[in-house]
Every structure is written in structure tokens, then in C-alpha cells.
Amino acid sequence: MKKFLYTMKRKFSFTLKKVKAQLTLKYLMTESLLYSQRGEGFVDTAIKILMAVVIGALVLAGLYALFGETVLPTLKQRIIDMFNFGN
């Protein structure tokens, strides 16, 4: 019985040390994560979104101008010529 209690005490002590080490590691990882200065801020993200919207609007306006002045009139004329059998 004495040997059993001694073995259980050692196992329990080892388990406690293991849990304490794991908790200490988690604490240190959490602390370093909270104190770290890296990462993106709100301003950086807002500027990126604004740039994407402006560039998208410029591309869309350019395509609209290209199709409105260059492609569509010639396409319209080709369709009229294709179906104008009498002339």
C-alpha cells in the first residue's frame, strides 16, 4: 500500500508539473501575442478597400467608354447592314 501511494504521489506530482508547464507556455504565448506590435490596423485596411473601389470604378468607366463609343456603334451598323437586304 505504501508503495502504491508513493507511486501515485510521484505520478500526481509529475502531472502537476506537466500541467504547470503547459499553462506557463500558454500564458507566455498569450502575453507575447497581446504585446506584439505587428499586424494590420484599421487605417491600412480602409485604404486598401478605398483603393480597390477607385481602381474598379476607373476600369469600369474605361470599359463603358470603350464599348459605348467604339464597339457598339460599329456593331449596330453591322447588324443594320446584315438585315438590310433591300439595299
PDB file of N, CA and C in Angstrom:
ATOM      1  N   MET A   1       0.824  -1.196   0.000  1.00  0.00           N
ATOM      2  CA  MET A   1       0.000   0.000   0.000  1.00  0.00           C
ATOM      3  C   MET A   1       0.867   1.258   0.000  1.00  0.00           C
ATOM      4  N   LYS A   2       1.926   1.194   0.767  1.00  0.00           N
ATOM      5  CA  LYS A   2       2.811   2.333   0.872  1.00  0.00           C
ATOM      6  C   LYS A   2       3.469   2.627  -0.485  1.00  0.00           C
ATOM      7  N   LYS A   3       3.865   1.566  -1.183  1.00  0.00           N
ATOM      8  CA  LYS A   3       4.485   1.712  -2.487  1.00  0.00           C
ATOM      9  C   LYS A   3       3.489   2.291  -3.497  1.00  0.00           C
ATOM     10  N   PHE A   4       2.256   1.850  -3.404  1.00  0.00           N
ATOM     11  CA  PHE A   4       1.203   2.346  -4.285  1.00  0.00           C
ATOM     12  C   PHE A   4       0.981   3.837  -4.077  1.00  0.00           C
ATOM     13  N   LEU A   5       0.887   4.258  -2.813  1.00  0.00           N
ATOM     14  CA  LEU A   5       0.692   5.675  -2.516  1.00  0.00           C
ATOM     15  C   LEU A   5       1.887   6.506  -2.975  1.00  0.00           C
ATOM     16  N   TYR A   6       3.090   5.967  -2.815  1.00  0.00           N
ATOM     17  CA  TYR A   6       4.289   6.670  -3.260  1.00  0.00           C
ATOM     18  C   TYR A   6       4.283   6.832  -4.788  1.00  0.00           C
ATOM     19  N   THR A   7       3.895   5.773  -5.497  1.00  0.00           N
ATOM     20  CA  THR A   7       3.825   5.815  -6.960  1.00  0.00           C
ATOM     21  C   THR A   7       2.769   6.814  -7.412  1.00  0.00           C
ATOM     22  N   MET A   8       1.623   6.801  -6.778  1.00  0.00           N
ATOM     23  CA  MET A   8       0.554   7.734  -7.124  1.00  0.00           C
ATOM     24  C   MET A   8       0.975   9.180  -6.854  1.00  0.00           C
ATOM     25  N   LYS A   9       1.696   9.386  -5.749  1.00  0.00           N
ATOM     26  CA  LYS A   9       2.174  10.730  -5.418  1.00  0.00           C
ATOM     27  C   LYS A   9       3.145  11.223  -6.491  1.00  0.00           C
ATOM     28  N   ARG A  10       4.040  10.361  -6.942  1.00  0.00           N
ATOM     29  CA  ARG A  10       5.002  10.739  -7.985  1.00  0.00           C
ATOM     30  C   ARG A  10       4.289  11.043  -9.309  1.00  0.00           C
ATOM     31  N   LYS A  11       3.313  10.193  -9.658  1.00  0.00           N
ATOM     32  CA  LYS A  11       2.565  10.422 -10.902  1.00  0.00           C
ATOM     33  C   LYS A  11       1.787  11.735 -10.831  1.00  0.00           C
ATOM     34  N   PHE A  12       1.175  11.981  -9.680  1.00  0.00           N
ATOM     35  CA  PHE A  12       0.411  13.198  -9.495  1.00  0.00           C
ATOM     36  C   PHE A  12       1.327  14.419  -9.553  1.00  0.00           C
ATOM     37  N   SER A  13       2.486  14.314  -8.922  1.00  0.00           N
ATOM     38  CA  SER A  13       3.446  15.411  -8.934  1.00  0.00           C
ATOM     39  C   SER A  13       3.937  15.668 -10.355  1.00  0.00           C
ATOM     40  N   PHE A  14       4.231  14.599 -11.101  1.00  0.00           N
ATOM     41  CA  PHE A  14       4.668  14.748 -12.482  1.00  0.00           C
ATOM     42  C   PHE A  14       3.573  15.384 -13.331  1.00  0.00           C
ATOM     43  N   THR A  15       2.330  14.954 -13.126  1.00  0.00           N
ATOM     44  CA  THR A  15       1.204  15.510 -13.873  1.00  0.00           C
ATOM     45  C   THR A  15       1.020  16.981 -13.548  1.00  0.00           C
ATOM     46  N   LEU A  16       1.146  17.341 -12.277  1.00  0.00           N
ATOM     47  CA  LEU A  16       1.026  18.746 -11.889  1.00  0.00           C
ATOM     48  C   LEU A  16       2.117  19.591 -12.529  1.00  0.00           C
ATOM     49  N   LYS A  17       3.339  19.084 -12.553  1.00  0.00           N
ATOM     50  CA  LYS A  17       4.431  19.824 -13.192  1.00  0.00           C
ATOM     51  C   LYS A  17       4.189  19.980 -14.686  1.00  0.00           C
ATOM     52  N   LYS A  18       3.663  18.935 -15.297  1.00  0.00           N
ATOM     53  CA  LYS A  18       3.377  18.982 -16.731  1.00  0.00           C
ATOM     54  C   LYS A  18       2.286  20.006 -17.032  1.00  0.00           C
ATOM     55  N   VAL A  19       1.218  20.007 -16.235  1.00  0.00           N
ATOM     56  CA  VAL A  19       0.133  20.969 -16.418  1.00  0.00           C
ATOM     57  C   VAL A  19       0.625  22.386 -16.170  1.00  0.00           C
ATOM     58  N   LYS A  20       1.458  22.554 -15.135  1.00  0.00           N
ATOM     59  CA  LYS A  20       2.004  23.877 -14.834  1.00  0.00           C
ATOM     60  C   LYS A  20       2.863  24.378 -15.997  1.00  0.00           C
ATOM     61  N   ALA A  21       3.665  23.502 -16.587  1.00  0.00           N
ATOM     62  CA  ALA A  21       4.495  23.893 -17.727  1.00  0.00           C
ATOM     63  C   ALA A  21       3.637  24.269 -18.927  1.00  0.00           C
ATOM     64  N   GLN A  22       2.591  23.513 -19.167  1.00  0.00           N
ATOM     65  CA  GLN A  22       1.693  23.824 -20.287  1.00  0.00           C
ATOM     66  C   GLN A  22       0.980  25.158 -20.069  1.00  0.00           C
ATOM     67  N   LEU A  23       0.512  25.385 -18.857  1.00  0.00           N
ATOM     68  CA  LEU A  23      -0.164  26.650 -18.559  1.00  0.00           C
ATOM     69  C   LEU A  23       0.790  27.834 -18.666  1.00  0.00           C
ATOM     70  N   THR A  24       2.029  27.640 -18.191  1.00  0.00           N
ATOM     71  CA  THR A  24       3.027  28.703 -18.303  1.00  0.00           C
ATOM     72  C   THR A  24       3.306  29.009 -19.765  1.00  0.00           C
ATOM     73  N   LEU A  25       3.421  27.983 -20.589  1.00  0.00           N
ATOM     74  CA  LEU A  25       3.651  28.177 -22.013  1.00  0.00           C
ATOM     75  C   LEU A  25       2.485  28.920 -22.661  1.00  0.00           C
ATOM     76  N   LYS A  26       1.267  28.514 -22.345  1.00  0.00           N
ATOM     77  CA  LYS A  26       0.088  29.204 -22.893  1.00  0.00           C
ATOM     78  C   LYS A  26       0.041  30.658 -22.440  1.00  0.00           C
ATOM     79  N   TYR A  27       0.385  30.895 -21.183  1.00  0.00           N
ATOM     80  CA  TYR A  27       0.395  32.260 -20.655  1.00  0.00           C
ATOM     81  C   TYR A  27       1.414  33.114 -21.401  1.00  0.00           C
ATOM     82  N   LEU A  28       2.609  32.575 -21.587  1.00  0.00           N
ATOM     83  CA  LEU A  28       3.650  33.337 -22.279  1.00  0.00           C
ATOM     84  C   LEU A  28       3.284  33.584 -23.733  1.00  0.00           C
ATOM     85  N   MET A  29       2.686  32.607 -24.388  1.00  0.00           N
ATOM     86  CA  MET A  29       2.259  32.787 -25.776  1.00  0.00           C
ATOM     87  C   MET A  29       1.170  33.860 -25.877  1.00  0.00           C
ATOM     88  N   THR A  30       0.218  33.825 -24.948  1.00  0.00           N
ATOM     89  CA  THR A  30      -0.863  34.814 -24.933  1.00  0.00           C
ATOM     90  C   THR A  30      -0.311  36.208 -24.649  1.00  0.00           C
ATOM     91  N   GLU A  31       0.598  36.295 -23.709  1.00  0.00           N
ATOM     92  CA  GLU A  31       1.193  37.577 -23.368  1.00  0.00           C
ATOM     93  C   GLU A  31       1.973  38.163 -24.543  1.00  0.00           C
ATOM     94  N   SER A  32       2.754  37.327 -25.216  1.00  0.00           N
ATOM     95  CA  SER A  32       3.515  37.834 -26.362  1.00  0.00           C
ATOM     96  C   SER A  32       2.584  38.234 -27.506  1.00  0.00           C
ATOM     97  N   LEU A  33       1.477  37.530 -27.656  1.00  0.00           N
ATOM     98  CA  LEU A  33       0.516  37.876 -28.702  1.00  0.00           C
ATOM     99  C   LEU A  33      -0.165  39.215 -28.403  1.00  0.00           C
ATOM    100  N   LEU A  34      -0.485  39.439 -27.147  1.00  0.00           N
ATOM    101  CA  LEU A  34      -1.154  40.689 -26.769  1.00  0.00           C
ATOM    102  C   LEU A  34      -0.221  41.889 -26.840  1.00  0.00           C
ATOM    103  N   TYR A  35       1.059  41.685 -26.568  1.00  0.00           N
ATOM    104  CA  TYR A  35       2.006  42.795 -26.582  1.00  0.00           C
ATOM    105  C   TYR A  35       2.673  43.005 -27.940  1.00  0.00           C
ATOM    106  N   SER A  36       2.406  42.135 -28.897  1.00  0.00           N
ATOM    107  CA  SER A  36       3.075  42.271 -30.196  1.00  0.00           C
ATOM    108  C   SER A  36       2.541  43.499 -30.926  1.00  0.00           C
ATOM    109  N   GLN A  37       3.398  44.109 -31.708  1.00  0.00           N
ATOM    110  CA  GLN A  37       3.055  45.323 -32.429  1.00  0.00           C
ATOM    111  C   GLN A  37       2.876  45.060 -33.922  1.00  0.00           C
ATOM    112  N   ARG A  38       2.854  43.825 -34.330  1.00  0.00           N
ATOM    113  CA  ARG A  38       2.723  43.531 -35.751  1.00  0.00           C
ATOM    114  C   ARG A  38       1.262  43.330 -36.108  1.00  0.00           C
ATOM    115  N   GLY A  39       0.971  43.383 -37.399  1.00  0.00           N
ATOM    116  CA  GLY A  39      -0.388  43.172 -37.861  1.00  0.00           C
ATOM    117  C   GLY A  39      -0.905  44.400 -38.593  1.00  0.00           C
ATOM    118  N   GLU A  40      -2.091  44.291 -39.070  1.00  0.00           N
ATOM    119  CA  GLU A  40      -2.707  45.384 -39.818  1.00  0.00           C
ATOM    120  C   GLU A  40      -3.583  46.212 -38.899  1.00  0.00           C
ATOM    121  N   GLY A  41      -3.627  47.483 -39.214  1.00  0.00           N
ATOM    122  CA  GLY A  41      -4.512  48.375 -38.478  1.00  0.00           C
ATOM    123  C   GLY A  41      -5.761  48.645 -39.289  1.00  0.00           C
ATOM    124  N   PHE A  42      -6.670  49.359 -38.719  1.00  0.00           N
ATOM    125  CA  PHE A  42      -7.922  49.679 -39.399  1.00  0.00           C
ATOM    126  C   PHE A  42      -7.683  50.645 -40.551  1.00  0.00           C
ATOM    127  N   VAL A  43      -6.724  51.557 -40.382  1.00  0.00           N
ATOM    128  CA  VAL A  43      -6.459  52.547 -41.418  1.00  0.00           C
ATOM    129  C   VAL A  43      -5.894  51.874 -42.661  1.00  0.00           C
ATOM    130  N   ASP A  44      -4.971  50.928 -42.478  1.00  0.00           N
ATOM    131  CA  ASP A  44      -4.401  50.208 -43.620  1.00  0.00           C
ATOM    132  C   ASP A  44      -5.482  49.488 -44.411  1.00  0.00           C
ATOM    133  N   THR A  45      -6.351  48.808 -43.712  1.00  0.00           N
ATOM    134  CA  THR A  45      -7.419  48.065 -44.380  1.00  0.00           C
ATOM    135  C   THR A  45      -8.374  49.013 -45.100  1.00  0.00           C
ATOM    136  N   ALA A  46      -8.707  50.135 -44.479  1.00  0.00           N
ATOM    137  CA  ALA A  46      -9.613  51.098 -45.111  1.00  0.00           C
ATOM    138  C   ALA A  46      -8.997  51.675 -46.383  1.00  0.00           C
ATOM    139  N   ILE A  47      -7.700  51.959 -46.350  1.00  0.00           N
ATOM    140  CA  ILE A  47      -7.035  52.495 -47.538  1.00  0.00           C
ATOM    141  C   ILE A  47      -7.018  51.462 -48.655  1.00  0.00           C
ATOM    142  N   LYS A  48      -6.779  50.216 -48.319  1.00  0.00           N
ATOM    143  CA  LYS A  48      -6.789  49.154 -49.343  1.00  0.00           C
ATOM    144  C   LYS A  48      -8.168  49.004 -49.986  1.00  0.00           C
ATOM    145  N   ILE A  49      -9.203  49.050 -49.176  1.00  0.00           N
ATOM    146  CA  ILE A  49     -10.565  48.936 -49.710  1.00  0.00           C
ATOM    147  C   ILE A  49     -10.890  50.135 -50.592  1.00  0.00           C
ATOM    148  N   LEU A  50     -10.521  51.321 -50.151  1.00  0.00           N
ATOM    149  CA  LEU A  50     -10.764  52.532 -50.937  1.00  0.00           C
ATOM    150  C   LEU A  50     -10.021  52.488 -52.270  1.00  0.00           C
ATOM    151  N   MET A  51      -8.778  52.034 -52.258  1.00  0.00           N
ATOM    152  CA  MET A  51      -8.010  51.914 -53.500  1.00  0.00           C
ATOM    153  C   MET A  51      -8.672  50.910 -54.447  1.00  0.00           C
ATOM    154  N   ALA A  52      -9.148  49.795 -53.924  1.00  0.00           N
ATOM    155  CA  ALA A  52      -9.797  48.797 -54.767  1.00  0.00           C
ATOM    156  C   ALA A  52     -11.069  49.351 -55.403  1.00  0.00           C
ATOM    157  N   VAL A  53     -11.838  50.110 -54.642  1.00  0.00           N
ATOM    158  CA  VAL A  53     -13.074  50.691 -55.177  1.00  0.00           C
ATOM    159  C   VAL A  53     -12.768  51.720 -56.262  1.00  0.00           C
ATOM    160  N   VAL A  54     -11.788  52.581 -56.029  1.00  0.00           N
ATOM    161  CA  VAL A  54     -11.439  53.611 -57.013  1.00  0.00           C
ATOM    162  C   VAL A  54     -10.892  52.975 -58.290  1.00  0.00           C
ATOM    163  N   ILE A  55      -9.997  52.023 -58.164  1.00  0.00           N
ATOM    164  CA  ILE A  55      -9.442  51.360 -59.349  1.00  0.00           C
ATOM    165  C   ILE A  55     -10.534  50.600 -60.101  1.00  0.00           C
ATOM    166  N   GLY A  56     -11.423  49.933 -59.382  1.00  0.00           N
ATOM    167  CA  GLY A  56     -12.545  49.238 -60.027  1.00  0.00           C
ATOM    168  C   GLY A  56     -13.450  50.200 -60.773  1.00  0.00           C
ATOM    169  N   ALA A  57     -13.720  51.356 -60.184  1.00  0.00           N
ATOM    170  CA  ALA A  57     -14.570  52.350 -60.858  1.00  0.00           C
ATOM    171  C   ALA A  57     -13.893  52.886 -62.115  1.00  0.00           C
ATOM    172  N   LEU A  58     -12.585  53.112 -62.046  1.00  0.00           N
ATOM    173  CA  LEU A  58     -11.859  53.592 -63.231  1.00  0.00           C
ATOM    174  C   LEU A  58     -11.868  52.555 -64.352  1.00  0.00           C
ATOM    175  N   VAL A  59     -11.655  51.305 -64.007  1.00  0.00           N
ATOM    176  CA  VAL A  59     -11.687  50.242 -65.026  1.00  0.00           C
ATOM    177  C   VAL A  59     -13.078  50.130 -65.628  1.00  0.00           C
ATOM    178  N   LEU A  60     -14.104  50.190 -64.803  1.00  0.00           N
ATOM    179  CA  LEU A  60     -15.475  50.104 -65.292  1.00  0.00           C
ATOM    180  C   LEU A  60     -15.826  51.293 -66.194  1.00  0.00           C
ATOM    181  N   ALA A  61     -15.396  52.482 -65.812  1.00  0.00           N
ATOM    182  CA  ALA A  61     -15.649  53.666 -66.645  1.00  0.00           C
ATOM    183  C   ALA A  61     -14.912  53.564 -67.971  1.00  0.00           C
ATOM    184  N   GLY A  62     -13.681  53.059 -67.958  1.00  0.00           N
ATOM    185  CA  GLY A  62     -12.928  52.878 -69.192  1.00  0.00           C
ATOM    186  C   GLY A  62     -13.585  51.874 -70.113  1.00  0.00           C
ATOM    187  N   LEU A  63     -14.048  50.769 -69.569  1.00  0.00           N
ATOM    188  CA  LEU A  63     -14.739  49.771 -70.393  1.00  0.00           C
ATOM    189  C   LEU A  63     -16.048  50.316 -70.948  1.00  0.00           C
ATOM    190  N   TYR A  64     -16.773  51.066 -70.134  1.00  0.00           N
ATOM    191  CA  TYR A  64     -18.026  51.644 -70.597  1.00  0.00           C
ATOM    192  C   TYR A  64     -17.779  52.629 -71.742  1.00  0.00           C
ATOM    193  N   ALA A  65     -16.735  53.442 -71.607  1.00  0.00           N
ATOM    194  CA  ALA A  65     -16.403  54.396 -72.668  1.00  0.00           C
ATOM    195  C   ALA A  65     -15.963  53.660 -73.932  1.00  0.00           C
ATOM    196  N   LEU A  66     -15.192  52.621 -73.778  1.00  0.00           N
ATOM    197  CA  LEU A  66     -14.716  51.854 -74.932  1.00  0.00           C
ATOM    198  C   LEU A  66     -15.879  51.204 -75.674  1.00  0.00           C
ATOM    199  N   PHE A  67     -16.750  50.562 -74.941  1.00  0.00           N
ATOM    200  CA  PHE A  67     -17.885  49.893 -75.582  1.00  0.00           C
ATOM    201  C   PHE A  67     -18.908  50.895 -76.099  1.00  0.00           C
ATOM    202  N   GLY A  68     -19.090  52.007 -75.410  1.00  0.00           N
ATOM    203  CA  GLY A  68     -20.088  52.988 -75.824  1.00  0.00           C
ATOM    204  C   GLY A  68     -19.700  53.752 -77.079  1.00  0.00           C
ATOM    205  N   GLU A  69     -18.427  54.051 -77.260  1.00  0.00           N
ATOM    206  CA  GLU A  69     -18.000  54.866 -78.393  1.00  0.00           C
ATOM    207  C   GLU A  69     -17.364  54.065 -79.517  1.00  0.00           C
ATOM    208  N   THR A  70     -16.810  52.928 -79.236  1.00  0.00           N
ATOM    209  CA  THR A  70     -16.051  52.198 -80.243  1.00  0.00           C
ATOM    210  C   THR A  70     -16.752  50.931 -80.709  1.00  0.00           C
ATOM    211  N   VAL A  71     -17.131  50.091 -79.807  1.00  0.00           N
ATOM    212  CA  VAL A  71     -17.636  48.764 -80.176  1.00  0.00           C
ATOM    213  C   VAL A  71     -19.106  48.807 -80.573  1.00  0.00           C
ATOM    214  N   LEU A  72     -19.941  49.449 -79.774  1.00  0.00           N
ATOM    215  CA  LEU A  72     -21.380  49.400 -80.027  1.00  0.00           C
ATOM    216  C   LEU A  72     -21.825  50.092 -81.323  1.00  0.00           C
ATOM    217  N   PRO A  73     -21.319  51.265 -81.696  1.00  0.00           N
ATOM    218  CA  PRO A  73     -21.757  51.862 -82.971  1.00  0.00           C
ATOM    219  C   PRO A  73     -21.400  51.000 -84.186  1.00  0.00           C
ATOM    220  N   THR A  74     -20.205  50.448 -84.204  1.00  0.00           N
ATOM    221  CA  THR A  74     -19.846  49.587 -85.342  1.00  0.00           C
ATOM    222  C   THR A  74     -20.661  48.315 -85.326  1.00  0.00           C
ATOM    223  N   LEU A  75     -20.950  47.801 -84.147  1.00  0.00           N
ATOM    224  CA  LEU A  75     -21.781  46.602 -84.053  1.00  0.00           C
ATOM    225  C   LEU A  75     -23.198  46.895 -84.521  1.00  0.00           C
ATOM    226  N   LYS A  76     -23.714  48.050 -84.140  1.00  0.00           N
ATOM    227  CA  LYS A  76     -25.062  48.439 -84.574  1.00  0.00           C
ATOM    228  C   LYS A  76     -25.112  48.584 -86.101  1.00  0.00           C
ATOM    229  N   GLN A  77     -24.103  49.197 -86.671  1.00  0.00           N
ATOM    230  CA  GLN A  77     -24.062  49.364 -88.121  1.00  0.00           C
ATOM    231  C   GLN A  77     -23.939  48.014 -88.828  1.00  0.00           C
ATOM    232  N   ARG A  78     -23.182  47.122 -88.308  1.00  0.00           N
ATOM    233  CA  ARG A  78     -23.049  45.786 -88.902  1.00  0.00           C
ATOM    234  C   ARG A  78     -24.376  45.029 -88.864  1.00  0.00           C
ATOM    235  N   ILE A  79     -25.109  45.145 -87.774  1.00  0.00           N
ATOM    236  CA  ILE A  79     -26.403  44.465 -87.681  1.00  0.00           C
ATOM    237  C   ILE A  79     -27.381  45.066 -88.682  1.00  0.00           C
ATOM    238  N   ILE A  80     -27.396  46.390 -88.799  1.00  0.00           N
ATOM    239  CA  ILE A  80     -28.290  47.050 -89.773  1.00  0.00           C
ATOM    240  C   ILE A  80     -27.934  46.608 -91.189  1.00  0.00           C
ATOM    241  N   ASP A  81     -26.633  46.571 -91.518  1.00  0.00           N
ATOM    242  CA  ASP A  81     -26.202  46.140 -92.844  1.00  0.00           C
ATOM    243  C   ASP A  81     -26.532  44.688 -93.093  1.00  0.00           C
ATOM    244  N   MET A  82     -26.481  43.856 -92.090  1.00  0.00           N
ATOM    245  CA  MET A  82     -26.726  42.426 -92.244  1.00  0.00           C
ATOM    246  C   MET A  82     -28.212  42.159 -92.553  1.00  0.00           C
ATOM    247  N   PHE A  83     -29.108  42.919 -91.931  1.00  0.00           N
ATOM    248  CA  PHE A  83     -30.537  42.683 -92.139  1.00  0.00           C
ATOM    249  C   PHE A  83     -31.152  43.587 -93.213  1.00  0.00           C
ATOM    250  N   ASN A  84     -30.379  44.464 -93.801  1.00  0.00           N
ATOM    251  CA  ASN A  84     -30.860  45.362 -94.842  1.00  0.00           C
ATOM    252  C   ASN A  84     -30.646  44.702 -96.212  1.00  0.00           C
ATOM    253  N   PHE A  85     -31.544  43.780 -96.552  1.00  0.00           N
ATOM    254  CA  PHE A  85     -31.386  43.026 -97.808  1.00  0.00           C
ATOM    255  C   PHE A  85     -31.820  43.823 -99.033  1.00  0.00           C
ATOM    256  N   GLY A  86     -32.695  44.768 -98.854  1.00  0.00           N
ATOM    257  CA  GLY A  86     -33.257  45.512 -99.986  1.00  0.00           C
ATOM    258  C   GLY A  86     -32.252  46.458-100.628  1.00  0.00           C
ATOM    259  N   ASN A  87     -31.346  46.956 -99.912  1.00  0.00           N
ATOM    260  CA  ASN A  87     -30.425  47.959-100.482  1.00  0.00           C
ATOM    261  C   ASN A  87     -29.197  47.340-101.011  1.00  0.00           C
TER     262      ASN A  87
END
